[in-house]
C-alpha atoms as a PDB file:
ATOM      1  CA  MET A   1      -0.149  -0.166  -0.043  1.00  0.00           C
ATOM      2  CA  ARG A   2       2.847   2.566   1.044  1.00  0.00           C
ATOM      3  CA  ALA A   3       4.614   1.630  -1.975  1.00  0.00           C
ATOM      4  CA  ARG A   4       1.919   2.220  -4.452  1.00  0.00           C
ATOM      5  CA  LEU A   5      -0.011   4.980  -2.731  1.00  0.00           C
ATOM      6  CA  ASP A   6       0.458   7.358  -5.724  1.00  0.00           C
ATOM      7  CA  ILE A   7      -1.246   5.280  -8.346  1.00  0.00           C
ATOM      8  CA  VAL A   8      -4.291   4.708  -5.455  1.00  0.00           C
ATOM      9  CA  GLU A   9      -4.332   8.362  -5.086  1.00  0.00           C
ATOM     10  CA  ARG A  10      -4.687   8.574  -8.949  1.00  0.00           C
ATOM     11  CA  PHE A  11      -7.267   6.103  -9.360  1.00  0.00           C
ATOM     12  CA  LEU A  12      -9.197   7.658  -6.480  1.00  0.00           C
ATOM     13  CA  THR A  13      -9.097  11.185  -8.231  1.00  0.00           C
ATOM     14  CA  GLU A  14      -9.954   9.691 -11.726  1.00  0.00           C
ATOM     15  CA  MET A  15     -12.541   7.366 -10.809  1.00  0.00           C
ATOM     16  CA  ALA A  16     -14.024   8.806  -7.364  1.00  0.00           C
ATOM     17  CA  PRO A  17     -15.232   5.387  -6.135  1.00  0.00           C
ATOM     18  CA  ASP A  18     -17.317   5.960  -2.819  1.00  0.00           C
ATOM     19  CA  ILE A  19     -15.915   2.991  -1.110  1.00  0.00           C
ATOM     20  CA  LEU A  20     -12.622   1.436  -1.803  1.00  0.00           C
ATOM     21  CA  CYS A  21     -11.519  -2.405  -0.848  1.00  0.00           C
ATOM     22  CA  LEU A  22      -7.996  -3.134  -0.506  1.00  0.00           C
ATOM     23  CA  GLN A  23      -6.245  -6.306  -0.166  1.00  0.00           C
ATOM     24  CA  GLU A  24      -2.701  -7.025   0.761  1.00  0.00           C
ATOM     25  CA  ILE A  25      -2.060  -3.692   2.529  1.00  0.00           C
ATOM     26  CA  LYS A  26       1.223  -5.304   4.002  1.00  0.00           C
ATOM     27  CA  ALA A  27       1.098  -2.631   6.671  1.00  0.00           C
ATOM     28  CA  GLU A  28       0.148  -2.437  10.302  1.00  0.00           C
ATOM     29  CA  ASN A  29      -2.940  -0.341  11.166  1.00  0.00           C
ATOM     30  CA  GLY A  30      -0.826   2.438  12.471  1.00  0.00           C
ATOM     31  CA  ALA A  31       1.372   2.647   9.453  1.00  0.00           C
ATOM     32  CA  PHE A  32      -1.179   2.895   6.976  1.00  0.00           C
ATOM     33  CA  PRO A  33      -1.164   6.324   5.074  1.00  0.00           C
ATOM     34  CA  SER A  34      -4.389   7.305   6.571  1.00  0.00           C
ATOM     35  CA  PRO A  35      -3.948  11.245   5.822  1.00  0.00           C
ATOM     36  CA  ALA A  36      -3.514  10.654   2.485  1.00  0.00           C
ATOM     37  CA  PHE A  37      -6.891   9.279   1.862  1.00  0.00           C
ATOM     38  CA  ARG A  38      -8.747  12.008   4.150  1.00  0.00           C
ATOM     39  CA  ALA A  39      -7.324  14.762   2.324  1.00  0.00           C
ATOM     40  CA  LEU A  40      -9.194  13.208  -0.618  1.00  0.00           C
ATOM     41  CA  GLY A  41     -12.154  13.074   1.084  1.00  0.00           C
ATOM     42  CA  TYR A  42     -12.349   9.462   2.273  1.00  0.00           C
ATOM     43  CA  GLU A  43     -12.853  10.261   5.976  1.00  0.00           C
ATOM     44  CA  THR A  44     -14.158   6.552   7.005  1.00  0.00           C
ATOM     45  CA  LEU A  45     -11.320   4.052   7.328  1.00  0.00           C
ATOM     46  CA  ILE A  46     -11.659   0.529   8.539  1.00  0.00           C
ATOM     47  CA  LEU A  47      -8.377  -1.235   8.787  1.00  0.00           C
ATOM     48  CA  ASN A  48      -7.349  -4.734   9.434  1.00  0.00           C
ATOM     49  CA  GLY A  49      -3.765  -4.820   8.717  1.00  0.00           C
ATOM     50  CA  GLN A  50      -0.477  -7.055   9.548  1.00  0.00           C
ATOM     51  CA  LYS A  51       3.151  -6.095   9.372  1.00  0.00           C
ATOM     52  CA  MET A  52       4.637  -7.262   6.310  1.00  0.00           C
ATOM     53  CA  HIS A  53       1.994  -9.646   5.320  1.00  0.00           C
ATOM     54  CA  HIS A  54      -1.643  -9.650   4.303  1.00  0.00           C
ATOM     55  CA  GLY A  55      -4.079  -7.152   5.576  1.00  0.00           C
ATOM     56  CA  VAL A  56      -7.396  -5.661   4.198  1.00  0.00           C
ATOM     57  CA  ALA A  57      -8.948  -2.251   4.604  1.00  0.00           C
ATOM     58  CA  ILE A  58     -12.306  -0.404   3.308  1.00  0.00           C
ATOM     59  CA  ILE A  59     -11.792   3.216   2.682  1.00  0.00           C
ATOM     60  CA  SER A  60     -14.915   5.177   2.275  1.00  0.00           C
ATOM     61  CA  ARG A  61     -16.387   8.558   1.771  1.00  0.00           C
ATOM     62  CA  ILE A  62     -20.006   7.322   3.315  1.00  0.00           C
ATOM     63  CA  PRO A  63     -20.086   6.451   6.766  1.00  0.00           C
ATOM     64  CA  LEU A  64     -19.810   2.715   7.677  1.00  0.00           C
ATOM     65  CA  SER A  65     -20.669   0.801  10.602  1.00  0.00           C
ATOM     66  CA  GLU A  66     -20.324  -2.577  12.535  1.00  0.00           C
ATOM     67  CA  ASP A  67     -16.477  -3.592  11.673  1.00  0.00           C
ATOM     68  CA  THR A  68     -16.203  -7.176  11.843  1.00  0.00           C
ATOM     69  CA  ARG A  69     -13.176  -9.550  11.271  1.00  0.00           C
ATOM     70  CA  ASN A  70     -13.760 -13.111  10.556  1.00  0.00           C
ATOM     71  CA  ASP A  71     -10.202 -15.243  11.036  1.00  0.00           C
ATOM     72  CA  TRP A  72     -11.215 -17.808   8.403  1.00  0.00           C
ATOM     73  CA  GLN A  73      -7.285 -18.884   8.122  1.00  0.00           C
ATOM     74  CA  ASP A  74      -7.687 -19.822  11.856  1.00  0.00           C
ATOM     75  CA  ASN A  75      -4.121 -18.681  12.774  1.00  0.00           C
ATOM     76  CA  GLY A  76      -4.955 -14.648  13.157  1.00  0.00           C
ATOM     77  CA  GLU A  77      -3.964 -13.736  10.044  1.00  0.00           C
ATOM     78  CA  ALA A  78      -5.620 -10.444   8.503  1.00  0.00           C
ATOM     79  CA  ARG A  79      -7.689 -11.574   5.519  1.00  0.00           C
ATOM     80  CA  HIS A  80     -11.456 -10.324   6.445  1.00  0.00           C
ATOM     81  CA  ILE A  81     -13.030  -7.156   7.440  1.00  0.00           C
ATOM     82  CA  GLY A  82     -16.738  -6.554   6.989  1.00  0.00           C
ATOM     83  CA  VAL A  83     -18.892  -3.254   7.438  1.00  0.00           C
ATOM     84  CA  ARG A  84     -22.422  -2.427   7.058  1.00  0.00           C
ATOM     85  CA  LEU A  85     -23.737   0.367   4.635  1.00  0.00           C
ATOM     86  CA  PRO A  86     -25.926   3.104   5.766  1.00  0.00           C
ATOM     87  CA  ASN A  87     -28.989   1.107   3.609  1.00  0.00           C
ATOM     88  CA  GLY A  88     -28.337  -2.050   5.722  1.00  0.00           C
ATOM     89  CA  VAL A  89     -26.149  -4.111   3.134  1.00  0.00           C
ATOM     90  CA  ARG A  90     -23.174  -5.891   4.443  1.00  0.00           C
ATOM     91  CA  LEU A  91     -19.790  -5.328   2.601  1.00  0.00           C
ATOM     92  CA  GLU A  92     -17.407  -8.279   3.097  1.00  0.00           C
ATOM     93  CA  ASN A  93     -13.826  -7.622   2.116  1.00  0.00           C
ATOM     94  CA  VAL A  94     -11.727 -10.905   1.720  1.00  0.00           C
ATOM     95  CA  TYR A  95      -8.070 -12.205   0.916  1.00  0.00           C
ATOM     96  CA  ILE A  96      -8.191 -15.693   0.565  1.00  0.00           C
ATOM     97  CA  PRO A  97      -4.695 -17.319   0.316  1.00  0.00           C
ATOM     98  CA  ALA A  98      -2.953 -17.911  -2.773  1.00  0.00           C
ATOM     99  CA  GLY A  99      -2.306 -21.675  -1.915  1.00  0.00           C
ATOM    100  CA  GLY A 100       1.469 -22.267  -2.646  1.00  0.00           C
ATOM    101  CA  ASP A 101       2.592 -23.695  -5.958  1.00  0.00           C
ATOM    102  CA  MET A 102       1.589 -27.527  -5.127  1.00  0.00           C
ATOM    103  CA  PRO A 103      -2.084 -28.700  -5.804  1.00  0.00           C
ATOM    104  CA  ASP A 104      -1.677 -31.229  -2.921  1.00  0.00           C
ATOM    105  CA  ARG A 105      -2.544 -30.927   0.705  1.00  0.00           C
ATOM    106  CA  GLU A 106      -0.242 -33.492   1.946  1.00  0.00           C
ATOM    107  CA  GLN A 107       3.122 -31.971   0.379  1.00  0.00           C
ATOM    108  CA  ASN A 108       1.962 -28.443   0.455  1.00  0.00           C
ATOM    109  CA  PRO A 109       0.279 -27.217   3.539  1.00  0.00           C
ATOM    110  CA  LYS A 110      -0.551 -23.935   2.237  1.00  0.00           C
ATOM    111  CA  PHE A 111      -3.011 -25.816  -0.224  1.00  0.00           C
ATOM    112  CA  GLY A 112      -4.973 -27.555   2.489  1.00  0.00           C
ATOM    113  CA  GLN A 113      -4.977 -23.967   4.268  1.00  0.00           C
ATOM    114  CA  LYS A 114      -6.574 -22.393   1.345  1.00  0.00           C
ATOM    115  CA  LEU A 115      -9.223 -25.317   0.924  1.00  0.00           C
ATOM    116  CA  ASP A 116     -10.120 -25.096   4.549  1.00  0.00           C
ATOM    117  CA  PHE A 117     -10.280 -21.033   4.546  1.00  0.00           C
ATOM    118  CA  LEU A 118     -12.793 -21.979   1.851  1.00  0.00           C
ATOM    119  CA  GLY A 119     -14.706 -24.294   4.055  1.00  0.00           C
ATOM    120  CA  ARG A 120     -14.993 -22.058   6.943  1.00  0.00           C
ATOM    121  CA  MET A 121     -16.118 -19.376   4.373  1.00  0.00           C
ATOM    122  CA  ILE A 122     -18.903 -21.775   3.222  1.00  0.00           C
ATOM    123  CA  ARG A 123     -20.162 -22.825   6.488  1.00  0.00           C
ATOM    124  CA  TRP A 124     -20.295 -18.543   7.267  1.00  0.00           C
ATOM    125  CA  SER A 125     -22.231 -17.996   3.918  1.00  0.00           C
ATOM    126  CA  GLU A 126     -24.828 -20.893   4.489  1.00  0.00           C
ATOM    127  CA  ALA A 127     -26.068 -19.078   7.648  1.00  0.00           C
ATOM    128  CA  LEU A 128     -25.959 -15.647   6.082  1.00  0.00           C
ATOM    129  CA  ARG A 129     -29.393 -14.111   6.120  1.00  0.00           C
ATOM    130  CA  GLU A 130     -28.635 -10.702   5.322  1.00  0.00           C
ATOM    131  CA  PRO A 131     -28.182  -8.853   1.809  1.00  0.00           C
ATOM    132  CA  SER A 132     -24.581  -8.588   1.446  1.00  0.00           C
ATOM    133  CA  ILE A 133     -21.550  -7.935  -0.939  1.00  0.00           C
ATOM    134  CA  ILE A 134     -18.648  -9.835  -0.880  1.00  0.00           C
ATOM    135  CA  VAL A 135     -15.341  -8.955  -2.774  1.00  0.00           C
ATOM    136  CA  GLY A 136     -11.875  -9.248  -2.948  1.00  0.00           C
ATOM    137  CA  ASP A 137      -8.761 -11.422  -4.241  1.00  0.00           C
ATOM    138  CA  PHE A 138     -10.313 -15.004  -4.261  1.00  0.00           C
ATOM    139  CA  ASN A 139      -7.112 -16.398  -5.777  1.00  0.00           C
ATOM    140  CA  ILE A 140      -9.007 -18.493  -7.957  1.00  0.00           C
ATOM    141  CA  ALA A 141     -10.374 -18.396 -11.549  1.00  0.00           C
ATOM    142  CA  PRO A 142     -13.210 -20.904 -12.151  1.00  0.00           C
ATOM    143  CA  LEU A 143     -14.098 -20.563 -15.540  1.00  0.00           C
ATOM    144  CA  GLU A 144     -12.076 -22.157 -18.596  1.00  0.00           C
ATOM    145  CA  CYS A 145     -12.603 -18.305 -19.970  1.00  0.00           C
ATOM    146  CA  ASP A 146     -11.173 -16.926 -16.963  1.00  0.00           C
ATOM    147  CA  VAL A 147      -7.537 -18.175 -17.467  1.00  0.00           C
ATOM    148  CA  TRP A 148      -5.249 -17.545 -20.548  1.00  0.00           C
ATOM    149  CA  GLY A 149      -4.894 -21.434 -21.196  1.00  0.00           C
ATOM    150  CA  HIS A 150      -7.609 -24.008 -19.465  1.00  0.00           C
ATOM    151  CA  LYS A 151      -5.758 -27.052 -20.306  1.00  0.00           C
ATOM    152  CA  GLU A 152      -2.490 -25.617 -19.607  1.00  0.00           C
ATOM    153  CA  LEU A 153      -3.436 -24.415 -16.152  1.00  0.00           C
ATOM    154  CA  LEU A 154      -5.603 -27.611 -14.627  1.00  0.00           C
ATOM    155  CA  ASN A 155      -2.656 -28.439 -12.406  1.00  0.00           C
ATOM    156  CA  VAL A 156      -1.466 -24.998 -11.558  1.00  0.00           C
ATOM    157  CA  VAL A 157      -2.978 -23.518  -8.298  1.00  0.00           C
ATOM    158  CA  SER A 158      -5.736 -20.993  -8.770  1.00  0.00           C
ATOM    159  CA  HIS A 159      -7.492 -23.336 -11.331  1.00  0.00           C
ATOM    160  CA  THR A 160      -7.369 -26.781 -10.459  1.00  0.00           C
ATOM    161  CA  PRO A 161     -10.490 -28.796 -10.428  1.00  0.00           C
ATOM    162  CA  ILE A 162     -10.750 -29.051  -6.695  1.00  0.00           C
ATOM    163  CA  GLU A 163     -10.528 -25.509  -6.197  1.00  0.00           C
ATOM    164  CA  VAL A 164     -13.055 -24.486  -8.700  1.00  0.00           C
ATOM    165  CA  GLU A 165     -15.474 -27.061  -7.295  1.00  0.00           C
ATOM    166  CA  THR A 166     -14.922 -25.757  -3.873  1.00  0.00           C
ATOM    167  CA  LEU A 167     -15.648 -22.097  -5.128  1.00  0.00           C
ATOM    168  CA  LYS A 168     -18.841 -23.479  -6.736  1.00  0.00           C
ATOM    169  CA  ALA A 169     -19.810 -24.802  -3.440  1.00  0.00           C
ATOM    170  CA  LEU A 170     -19.190 -21.170  -1.812  1.00  0.00           C
ATOM    171  CA  GLN A 171     -21.454 -19.471  -4.738  1.00  0.00           C
ATOM    172  CA  ALA A 172     -24.057 -21.869  -4.085  1.00  0.00           C
ATOM    173  CA  SER A 173     -24.351 -21.582  -0.352  1.00  0.00           C
ATOM    174  CA  HIS A 174     -25.785 -18.274  -0.458  1.00  0.00           C
ATOM    175  CA  ASP A 175     -27.101 -17.892  -4.227  1.00  0.00           C
ATOM    176  CA  TRP A 176     -24.042 -15.297  -4.691  1.00  0.00           C
ATOM    177  CA  VAL A 177     -24.016 -13.579  -8.155  1.00  0.00           C
ATOM    178  CA  ASP A 178     -20.697 -13.318  -9.698  1.00  0.00           C
ATOM    179  CA  LEU A 179     -21.065  -9.640 -10.910  1.00  0.00           C
ATOM    180  CA  GLY A 180     -18.363  -9.924 -13.206  1.00  0.00           C
ATOM    181  CA  ARG A 181     -19.694 -12.691 -15.326  1.00  0.00           C
ATOM    182  CA  HIS A 182     -23.276 -11.105 -14.768  1.00  0.00           C
ATOM    183  CA  PHE A 183     -22.187  -8.205 -16.816  1.00  0.00           C
ATOM    184  CA  ILE A 184     -19.367  -9.864 -18.958  1.00  0.00           C
ATOM    185  CA  PRO A 185     -20.845 -13.312 -19.827  1.00  0.00           C
ATOM    186  CA  PRO A 186     -18.930 -16.428 -20.969  1.00  0.00           C
ATOM    187  CA  PRO A 187     -17.319 -17.207 -23.102  1.00  0.00           C
ATOM    188  CA  GLU A 188     -15.803 -13.670 -23.213  1.00  0.00           C
ATOM    189  CA  ARG A 189     -12.306 -13.805 -21.669  1.00  0.00           C
ATOM    190  CA  LEU A 190     -11.927 -11.544 -18.484  1.00  0.00           C
ATOM    191  CA  TYR A 191      -8.617 -11.497 -16.501  1.00  0.00           C
ATOM    192  CA  THR A 192      -8.077  -9.114 -13.450  1.00  0.00           C
ATOM    193  CA  TRP A 193      -4.587 -10.329 -13.041  1.00  0.00           C
ATOM    194  CA  TRP A 194      -0.776 -10.873 -15.246  1.00  0.00           C
ATOM    195  CA  SER A 195       1.899 -12.177 -13.911  1.00  0.00           C
ATOM    196  CA  TYR A 196       4.961  -9.933 -13.051  1.00  0.00           C
ATOM    197  CA  ARG A 197       7.215 -12.927 -14.769  1.00  0.00           C
ATOM    198  CA  ALA A 198       5.991 -11.883 -18.299  1.00  0.00           C
ATOM    199  CA  LYS A 199       8.093  -9.210 -20.154  1.00  0.00           C
ATOM    200  CA  ASP A 200       5.572  -7.845 -21.953  1.00  0.00           C
ATOM    201  CA  TRP A 201       2.000  -8.725 -20.039  1.00  0.00           C
ATOM    202  CA  ALA A 202      -0.038  -6.881 -22.458  1.00  0.00           C
ATOM    203  CA  ALA A 203       1.478  -8.570 -25.834  1.00  0.00           C
ATOM    204  CA  SER A 204       1.384 -12.201 -23.887  1.00  0.00           C
ATOM    205  CA  ASP A 205      -1.747 -11.732 -22.350  1.00  0.00           C
ATOM    206  CA  ARG A 206      -1.551 -14.684 -20.182  1.00  0.00           C
ATOM    207  CA  GLY A 207      -3.941 -13.415 -17.546  1.00  0.00           C
ATOM    208  CA  ARG A 208      -6.260 -15.207 -14.978  1.00  0.00           C
ATOM    209  CA  ARG A 209      -9.554 -13.542 -13.264  1.00  0.00           C
ATOM    210  CA  LEU A 210      -8.556 -13.947  -9.748  1.00  0.00           C
ATOM    211  CA  ASP A 211     -10.561 -11.067  -8.463  1.00  0.00           C
ATOM    212  CA  HIS A 212     -14.349 -11.273  -7.820  1.00  0.00           C
ATOM    213  CA  MET A 213     -17.201  -9.207  -6.811  1.00  0.00           C
ATOM    214  CA  TRP A 214     -20.472 -11.183  -5.684  1.00  0.00           C
ATOM    215  CA  ALA A 215     -23.612 -10.081  -4.467  1.00  0.00           C
ATOM    216  CA  SER A 216     -26.639 -11.453  -2.670  1.00  0.00           C
ATOM    217  CA  PRO A 217     -29.540 -11.914  -5.094  1.00  0.00           C
ATOM    218  CA  ASP A 218     -31.510  -9.010  -4.249  1.00  0.00           C
ATOM    219  CA  VAL A 219     -28.595  -6.427  -4.034  1.00  0.00           C
ATOM    220  CA  ALA A 220     -27.353  -7.901  -7.393  1.00  0.00           C
ATOM    221  CA  LYS A 221     -30.640  -6.343  -8.783  1.00  0.00           C
ATOM    222  CA  ALA A 222     -29.347  -3.019  -7.852  1.00  0.00           C
ATOM    223  CA  ALA A 223     -26.251  -3.721  -9.554  1.00  0.00           C
ATOM    224  CA  ALA A 224     -26.149  -1.249 -12.640  1.00  0.00           C
ATOM    225  CA  SER A 225     -22.567  -1.582 -14.397  1.00  0.00           C
ATOM    226  CA  HIS A 226     -19.226  -3.266 -13.849  1.00  0.00           C
ATOM    227  CA  GLN A 227     -15.720  -2.151 -15.020  1.00  0.00           C
ATOM    228  CA  VAL A 228     -12.663  -3.751 -15.307  1.00  0.00           C
ATOM    229  CA  HIS A 229      -9.966  -1.414 -15.314  1.00  0.00           C
ATOM    230  CA  ARG A 230      -7.102  -2.954 -17.316  1.00  0.00           C
ATOM    231  CA  GLU A 231      -5.408   0.439 -17.695  1.00  0.00           C
ATOM    232  CA  CYS A 232      -4.062   0.352 -14.290  1.00  0.00           C
ATOM    233  CA  ARG A 233      -1.649  -2.661 -15.089  1.00  0.00           C
ATOM    234  CA  ASP A 234       0.277  -0.210 -17.039  1.00  0.00           C
ATOM    235  CA  TRP A 235       0.575   2.569 -14.362  1.00  0.00           C
ATOM    236  CA  GLY A 236       3.851   3.145 -12.401  1.00  0.00           C
ATOM    237  CA  LYS A 237       4.643   0.082  -9.930  1.00  0.00           C
ATOM    238  CA  PRO A 238       1.554  -1.504 -10.801  1.00  0.00           C
ATOM    239  CA  SER A 239       0.132  -4.419  -8.971  1.00  0.00           C
ATOM    240  CA  ASP A 240      -0.201  -7.497 -10.660  1.00  0.00           C
ATOM    241  CA  HIS A 241      -4.036  -7.193  -9.860  1.00  0.00           C
ATOM    242  CA  ILE A 242      -6.157  -4.285 -11.554  1.00  0.00           C
ATOM    243  CA  PRO A 243      -9.072  -2.660  -9.744  1.00  0.00           C
ATOM    244  CA  LEU A 244     -12.821  -3.737 -10.478  1.00  0.00           C
ATOM    245  CA  VAL A 245     -15.578  -1.315 -10.083  1.00  0.00           C
ATOM    246  CA  THR A 246     -19.249  -2.366  -9.620  1.00  0.00           C
ATOM    247  CA  GLU A 247     -22.064   0.631  -9.511  1.00  0.00           C
ATOM    248  CA  PHE A 248     -25.021  -0.095  -7.479  1.00  0.00           C
ATOM    249  CA  ALA A 249     -28.538   2.171  -7.916  1.00  0.00           C
ATOM    250  CA  PHE A 250     -29.168   2.095  -4.167  1.00  0.00           C
END
């Protein structure tokens, strides 16, 4: 967050969203650059930071309430923060673990932790009775058209069959509407992440859709548009992820 503050400020100035959800802020709450956001009119900052790793934040120009944090990783890592909007809708911001390099729970404990994290999310989602929006870095590209090469990535963490099936179970647990695919239906390709390893990310276009915005069915009816800001991948010191913006007619 601190290394990329300038491009976040640029995005807020040019796009002016009411609410910004961040993942992987990699800063403790006291080290978060809050004054820069307040200078742009974002007075409400809900932070769940962690030194050097993980961390999520919700930045808003409108008042928010009911700050909650679920430890779906079951080890104290800062990977979730939830709030309530003035109209009563819940907004959940989550950073699901990447899961390491090997899709094998026995040989790679990080992969097992990722699946267990999703399992805890599913149990939470099954009990959810409130109108809600959930957004964040899910670290899973579920559809064939969500990756540059379906066959090539079947055994690559983020697109393995077990991850895809587990994410489907999460979606079904609350009848979540995938807003990205609601507005940009398959089989159109849709990516939100490109690796740093590519010399020319745009030319190779080996992307994946790892970032998602979902909404409860009633809330999804109020969704008016969904934008994927691919151009931000070329901004100075860019993240490998790009911003998504959904507009709701509340």
